Amino acid sequence: MARLVGFYPGSFDPLTNGHLDVIERACKIVDELVIAVGTHHSKNPLFSHIDRVALLKAVLEPVGRRTDTDFRVVDFDGLAVNAARENGARLIIRGLRDTTDYNYEMQMVGMNAQMAPDLQTVFLPSSPPVRHISATLVRQIAQLGGDISKFVPPQVIEALKKTK
């Protein structure tokens, strides 16, 4: 039987508890999850690309053991559908927090379906305890010196201390 590979793209800057919620739930439907760290040239990142990849690998190791899911953390700079295909994925995983996310993601699904009809998008609604968490807001709070410990895994807090 073929293994089902999912593709979860994002900037993960920083990796949040909301991202982890989506990852944990995606593990219930795929055998392997490719976490794709995208490069967004217009954003002012909190962490370097290399640091984001390292943080993901550190946080995902125990999740993989606990859920019996294989993870690959990869880079991508371009269309997510192309990167998903290159990594053997059949599903694109997307998290939804609210109707704003839904409206945006539905547009993306339509565009992606035209470019890559062989790929399916699966929406995973955020769990209520993390629904309010936005990487953009967490990044802004961190850059202004606020406490983000309720929004991110402990490894992110430790990495942030090292950057100061």
Protein backbone atom coordinates (compact mmCIF):
# COMPACT_ATOMS: atom_id res chain seq x y z
CA MET A 1 0.00 0.00 0.00
CA ALA A 2 1.30 3.45 -0.94
CA ARG A 3 2.15 5.84 1.84
CA LEU A 4 0.09 9.01 1.94
CA VAL A 5 2.28 12.11 1.92
CA GLY A 6 0.93 15.48 3.04
CA PHE A 7 2.52 18.86 2.39
CA TYR A 8 2.20 21.67 4.93
CA PRO A 9 3.70 24.93 3.62
CA GLY A 10 4.32 28.09 5.60
CA SER A 11 6.92 30.57 6.75
CA PHE A 12 6.83 29.27 10.36
CA ASP A 13 8.26 32.57 11.58
CA PRO A 14 7.93 31.84 14.36
CA LEU A 15 6.68 28.29 14.77
CA THR A 16 3.56 28.67 16.92
CA ASN A 17 1.34 26.40 18.98
CA GLY A 18 -1.24 26.94 16.24
CA HIS A 19 1.12 25.41 13.68
CA LEU A 20 1.75 22.50 16.04
CA ASP A 21 -2.00 21.97 16.42
CA VAL A 22 -2.35 21.61 12.64
CA ILE A 23 0.71 19.33 12.47
CA GLU A 24 -0.55 17.05 15.25
CA ARG A 25 -3.93 16.71 13.58
CA ALA A 26 -2.42 16.18 10.12
CA CYS A 27 -0.50 13.24 11.59
CA LYS A 28 -3.84 11.46 11.98
CA ILE A 29 -4.45 11.44 8.22
CA VAL A 30 -1.01 11.07 6.59
CA ASP A 31 1.88 8.64 6.91
CA GLU A 32 4.46 11.29 6.12
CA LEU A 33 4.20 15.03 6.50
CA VAL A 34 6.48 17.35 4.56
CA ILE A 35 6.83 20.65 6.38
CA ALA A 36 7.82 23.19 3.73
CA VAL A 37 9.50 26.35 4.94
CA GLY A 38 8.88 29.05 2.39
CA THR A 39 10.94 32.11 1.71
CA HIS A 40 8.97 35.36 1.79
CA HIS A 41 11.21 38.14 0.58
CA SER A 42 8.79 40.87 1.65
CA LYS A 43 8.66 39.86 5.34
CA ASN A 44 10.99 41.03 8.08
CA PRO A 45 11.73 37.66 9.73
CA LEU A 46 12.10 37.08 13.44
CA PHE A 47 14.28 34.01 12.78
CA SER A 48 16.59 33.20 9.91
CA HIS A 49 15.50 30.53 7.48
CA ILE A 50 18.15 28.16 8.88
CA ASP A 51 16.91 28.75 12.44
CA ARG A 52 13.30 28.07 11.46
CA VAL A 53 14.26 24.76 9.85
CA ALA A 54 16.31 23.77 12.93
CA LEU A 55 13.46 24.69 15.30
CA LEU A 56 10.98 22.64 13.30
CA LYS A 57 13.25 19.60 13.31
CA ALA A 58 13.78 19.86 17.07
CA VAL A 59 10.09 20.26 17.86
CA LEU A 60 8.92 17.59 15.39
CA GLU A 61 11.17 14.77 16.56
CA PRO A 62 9.06 13.85 19.64
CA VAL A 63 5.82 14.44 17.70
CA GLY A 64 6.96 11.94 15.07
CA ARG A 65 7.80 9.32 17.69
CA ARG A 66 4.51 9.83 19.51
CA THR A 67 2.31 9.77 16.38
CA ASP A 68 4.34 7.30 14.31
CA THR A 69 4.53 9.89 11.54
CA ASP A 70 7.57 10.53 9.38
CA PHE A 71 8.51 14.17 8.87
CA ARG A 72 10.65 15.91 6.30
CA VAL A 73 11.47 19.59 6.64
CA VAL A 74 12.23 21.13 3.25
CA ASP A 75 12.78 24.56 1.75
CA PHE A 76 10.72 26.02 -1.03
CA ASP A 77 10.77 29.27 -2.93
CA GLY A 78 8.03 29.34 -5.50
CA LEU A 79 4.64 27.75 -6.02
CA ALA A 80 3.50 25.42 -3.26
CA VAL A 81 1.89 23.06 -5.79
CA ASN A 82 5.23 22.58 -7.54
CA ALA A 83 7.02 21.96 -4.25
CA ALA A 84 4.28 19.54 -3.15
CA ARG A 85 4.66 17.51 -6.35
CA GLU A 86 8.46 17.55 -6.09
CA ASN A 87 8.12 16.05 -2.61
CA GLY A 88 5.68 13.33 -3.62
CA ALA A 89 2.69 14.79 -1.79
CA ARG A 90 -0.92 14.11 -2.72
CA LEU A 91 -2.44 16.41 -0.10
CA ILE A 92 -1.78 20.03 0.74
CA ILE A 93 -2.57 20.69 4.40
CA ARG A 94 -3.88 24.11 5.40
CA GLY A 95 -4.94 25.35 8.81
CA LEU A 96 -7.97 27.59 9.23
CA ARG A 97 -8.50 29.94 12.16
CA ASP A 98 -11.49 31.94 11.01
CA THR A 99 -13.58 33.04 8.04
CA THR A 100 -10.85 35.39 6.83
CA ASP A 101 -8.49 32.41 6.48
CA TYR A 102 -11.28 30.40 4.86
CA ASN A 103 -12.01 33.04 2.22
CA TYR A 104 -8.31 33.39 1.34
CA GLU A 105 -7.71 29.64 1.31
CA MET A 106 -10.74 28.97 -0.90
CA GLN A 107 -9.24 31.29 -3.52
CA MET A 108 -5.96 29.40 -3.25
CA VAL A 109 -7.73 26.04 -3.61
CA GLY A 110 -9.36 27.24 -6.81
CA MET A 111 -6.09 28.46 -8.27
CA ASN A 112 -4.18 25.37 -7.16
CA ALA A 113 -6.86 23.08 -8.61
CA GLN A 114 -6.37 24.71 -12.01
CA MET A 115 -2.58 24.35 -11.83
CA ALA A 116 -2.44 20.95 -10.12
CA PRO A 117 -5.69 18.97 -10.36
CA ASP A 118 -3.88 15.89 -9.04
CA LEU A 119 -3.40 17.53 -5.62
CA GLN A 120 -6.12 17.87 -3.02
CA THR A 121 -6.25 20.48 -0.27
CA VAL A 122 -7.34 19.47 3.21
CA PHE A 123 -8.45 22.15 5.67
CA LEU A 124 -7.85 21.52 9.36
CA PRO A 125 -9.71 24.00 11.53
CA SER A 126 -7.70 25.24 14.49
CA SER A 127 -8.58 23.88 17.90
CA PRO A 128 -10.30 26.48 20.11
CA PRO A 129 -7.35 26.99 22.52
CA VAL A 130 -5.06 28.10 19.66
CA ARG A 131 -7.53 29.61 17.21
CA HIS A 132 -6.46 33.18 18.04
CA ILE A 133 -2.73 32.61 17.46
CA SER A 134 -1.26 34.30 14.41
CA ALA A 135 2.44 34.05 13.56
CA THR A 136 2.31 37.65 12.35
CA LEU A 137 0.98 38.90 15.70
CA VAL A 138 3.38 36.68 17.66
CA ARG A 139 6.28 38.05 15.61
CA GLN A 140 5.16 41.64 16.28
CA ILE A 141 4.79 41.01 20.02
CA ALA A 142 8.26 39.44 20.15
CA GLN A 143 9.84 42.30 18.19
CA LEU A 144 8.31 44.75 20.67
CA GLY A 145 9.72 42.82 23.64
CA GLY A 146 6.46 41.19 24.74
CA ASP A 147 6.01 37.74 26.27
CA ILE A 148 5.10 35.15 23.63
CA SER A 149 5.51 32.07 25.84
CA LYS A 150 1.78 31.23 25.72
CA PHE A 151 1.82 31.14 21.93
CA VAL A 152 4.93 29.16 20.98
CA PRO A 153 6.76 25.97 22.00
CA PRO A 154 9.52 26.37 24.61
CA GLN A 155 12.23 25.79 21.97
CA VAL A 156 11.18 29.02 20.26
CA ILE A 157 11.55 30.98 23.50
CA GLU A 158 15.04 29.52 24.00
CA ALA A 159 16.05 30.34 20.42
CA LEU A 160 14.70 33.89 20.81
CA LYS A 161 16.86 34.40 23.93
CA LYS A 162 19.92 33.45 21.89
CA THR A 163 19.18 36.07 19.23
CA LYS A 164 19.17 38.96 21.72
